[in-house]
């Protein structure tokens, strides 16, 4: 059974930083693409970032490119999202996701199969 547990969310002022973590209970973590989506109140879920199984390739939405960095530690079965220069528009529930089949490059069009419960990020102005 796949279990993804996010942590690191919270309240931060605009311009600040947060680092999200996602611990995965995957026996073969290094064979899964990993990533993050978010959903703001009243809006649809949107793709944020993804990373290939070995961490070689990364992908970002235009709205976070240059401010967010996704990384992974396959030895710890953990994926991270470093968020800098946060804006009030970044306020959302952030979800960790995983998929063994769909390439990370396709996630903005084809959502992954496995999801965490989400962690709230609130950016105050």
Protein backbone atom coordinates (compact mmCIF):
# COMPACT_ATOMS: atom_id res chain seq x y z
CA UNK A 1 0.00 0.00 0.00
CA UNK A 2 1.35 3.38 -1.01
CA UNK A 3 1.40 5.99 1.72
CA UNK A 4 2.61 9.55 1.21
CA UNK A 5 2.87 11.83 4.24
CA UNK A 6 3.50 15.53 3.79
CA UNK A 7 4.94 17.88 6.39
CA UNK A 8 6.40 21.36 6.65
CA UNK A 9 3.38 23.47 5.83
CA UNK A 10 2.44 26.52 7.86
CA UNK A 11 1.93 30.26 7.91
CA UNK A 12 4.57 32.55 6.43
CA UNK A 13 4.74 36.17 5.37
CA UNK A 14 5.04 37.16 1.74
CA UNK A 15 8.64 36.95 0.63
CA UNK A 16 9.41 34.19 3.09
CA UNK A 17 10.36 30.55 2.60
CA UNK A 18 9.07 27.12 3.53
CA UNK A 19 10.33 23.64 2.82
CA UNK A 20 7.84 20.83 2.38
CA UNK A 21 8.75 17.19 2.85
CA UNK A 22 6.97 14.04 1.74
CA UNK A 23 7.89 10.70 3.24
CA UNK A 24 6.87 7.76 1.05
CA UNK A 25 6.23 4.18 2.07
CA UNK A 26 7.35 2.75 -1.24
CA UNK A 27 9.51 -0.34 -1.36
CA UNK A 28 11.03 0.80 -4.64
CA UNK A 29 10.95 4.56 -4.10
CA UNK A 30 13.73 5.13 -6.60
CA UNK A 31 11.54 3.76 -9.40
CA UNK A 32 8.78 6.33 -8.85
CA UNK A 33 8.48 9.79 -10.27
CA UNK A 34 7.51 12.16 -7.45
CA UNK A 35 6.00 15.60 -7.33
CA UNK A 36 3.71 18.23 -5.91
CA UNK A 37 0.33 19.67 -6.76
CA UNK A 38 -1.68 22.32 -4.96
CA UNK A 39 -5.28 23.38 -4.61
CA UNK A 40 -6.39 26.81 -3.47
CA UNK A 41 -9.90 27.46 -2.12
CA UNK A 42 -12.42 27.57 -4.93
CA UNK A 43 -9.87 26.57 -7.54
CA UNK A 44 -8.95 23.39 -9.34
CA UNK A 45 -5.95 21.37 -8.36
CA UNK A 46 -2.86 22.44 -10.30
CA UNK A 47 0.53 20.96 -11.06
CA UNK A 48 3.45 22.56 -9.20
CA UNK A 49 6.58 20.47 -9.75
CA UNK A 50 7.79 16.96 -10.49
CA UNK A 51 11.05 15.07 -10.45
CA UNK A 52 12.09 11.94 -12.30
CA UNK A 53 12.75 8.71 -10.47
CA UNK A 54 16.51 9.22 -10.28
CA UNK A 55 16.25 12.95 -9.72
CA UNK A 56 17.92 13.84 -13.00
CA UNK A 57 15.03 15.76 -14.56
CA UNK A 58 12.77 18.33 -12.92
CA UNK A 59 9.67 20.10 -14.16
CA UNK A 60 7.88 23.20 -12.87
CA UNK A 61 4.76 25.17 -13.57
CA UNK A 62 5.39 28.64 -14.93
CA UNK A 63 3.90 30.17 -11.79
CA UNK A 64 6.63 28.74 -9.51
CA UNK A 65 9.61 28.43 -11.85
CA UNK A 66 12.62 30.22 -10.41
CA UNK A 67 11.13 30.33 -6.89
CA UNK A 68 10.50 26.67 -6.01
CA UNK A 69 12.96 23.78 -6.14
CA UNK A 70 12.03 20.11 -6.04
CA UNK A 71 14.53 17.51 -4.90
CA UNK A 72 14.58 13.97 -3.60
CA UNK A 73 16.66 11.72 -1.37
CA UNK A 74 16.18 8.14 -2.51
CA UNK A 75 18.04 6.84 0.53
CA UNK A 76 15.41 8.42 2.78
CA UNK A 77 12.36 7.79 0.57
CA UNK A 78 11.64 11.50 0.73
CA UNK A 79 10.88 14.25 -1.75
CA UNK A 80 11.17 17.94 -0.92
CA UNK A 81 9.80 21.23 -2.18
CA UNK A 82 11.82 24.30 -1.25
CA UNK A 83 9.61 27.35 -1.68
CA UNK A 84 11.22 30.79 -1.73
CA UNK A 85 9.87 34.28 -2.40
CA UNK A 86 6.42 33.12 -1.43
CA UNK A 87 3.41 35.12 -2.54
CA UNK A 88 -0.16 35.22 -1.21
CA UNK A 89 -1.21 33.47 -4.44
CA UNK A 90 0.84 30.46 -3.31
CA UNK A 91 -1.66 29.87 -0.50
CA UNK A 92 -3.11 26.38 -0.98
CA UNK A 93 -3.14 22.83 0.24
CA UNK A 94 -0.05 21.16 -1.17
CA UNK A 95 -0.24 17.49 -2.11
CA UNK A 96 2.58 15.06 -2.64
CA UNK A 97 2.12 12.61 -5.51
CA UNK A 98 3.82 9.55 -6.93
CA UNK A 99 3.60 7.41 -10.04
CA UNK A 100 5.65 4.50 -11.25
CA UNK A 101 4.42 4.50 -14.84
CA UNK A 102 3.68 8.06 -15.95
CA UNK A 103 6.78 10.07 -16.71
CA UNK A 104 7.18 13.20 -14.59
CA UNK A 105 7.12 15.32 -17.75
CA UNK A 106 3.48 14.35 -18.38
CA UNK A 107 2.05 15.15 -14.96
CA UNK A 108 0.69 18.57 -15.88
CA UNK A 109 -1.59 16.75 -18.37
CA UNK A 110 -1.94 13.28 -16.83
CA UNK A 111 -2.17 13.32 -13.02
CA UNK A 112 -0.27 10.65 -11.09
CA UNK A 113 -1.89 7.69 -9.37
CA UNK A 114 -0.92 8.13 -5.72
CA UNK A 115 -1.60 11.08 -3.44
CA UNK A 116 -0.90 12.24 0.08
CA UNK A 117 -3.39 13.92 2.39
CA UNK A 118 -2.00 17.39 1.89
CA UNK A 119 -0.42 20.11 3.99
CA UNK A 120 -1.68 23.68 4.27
CA UNK A 121 0.54 26.56 3.18
CA UNK A 122 -0.71 30.05 3.96
CA UNK A 123 1.14 33.15 2.80
CA UNK A 124 0.08 36.41 4.40
CA UNK A 125 0.49 39.76 2.67
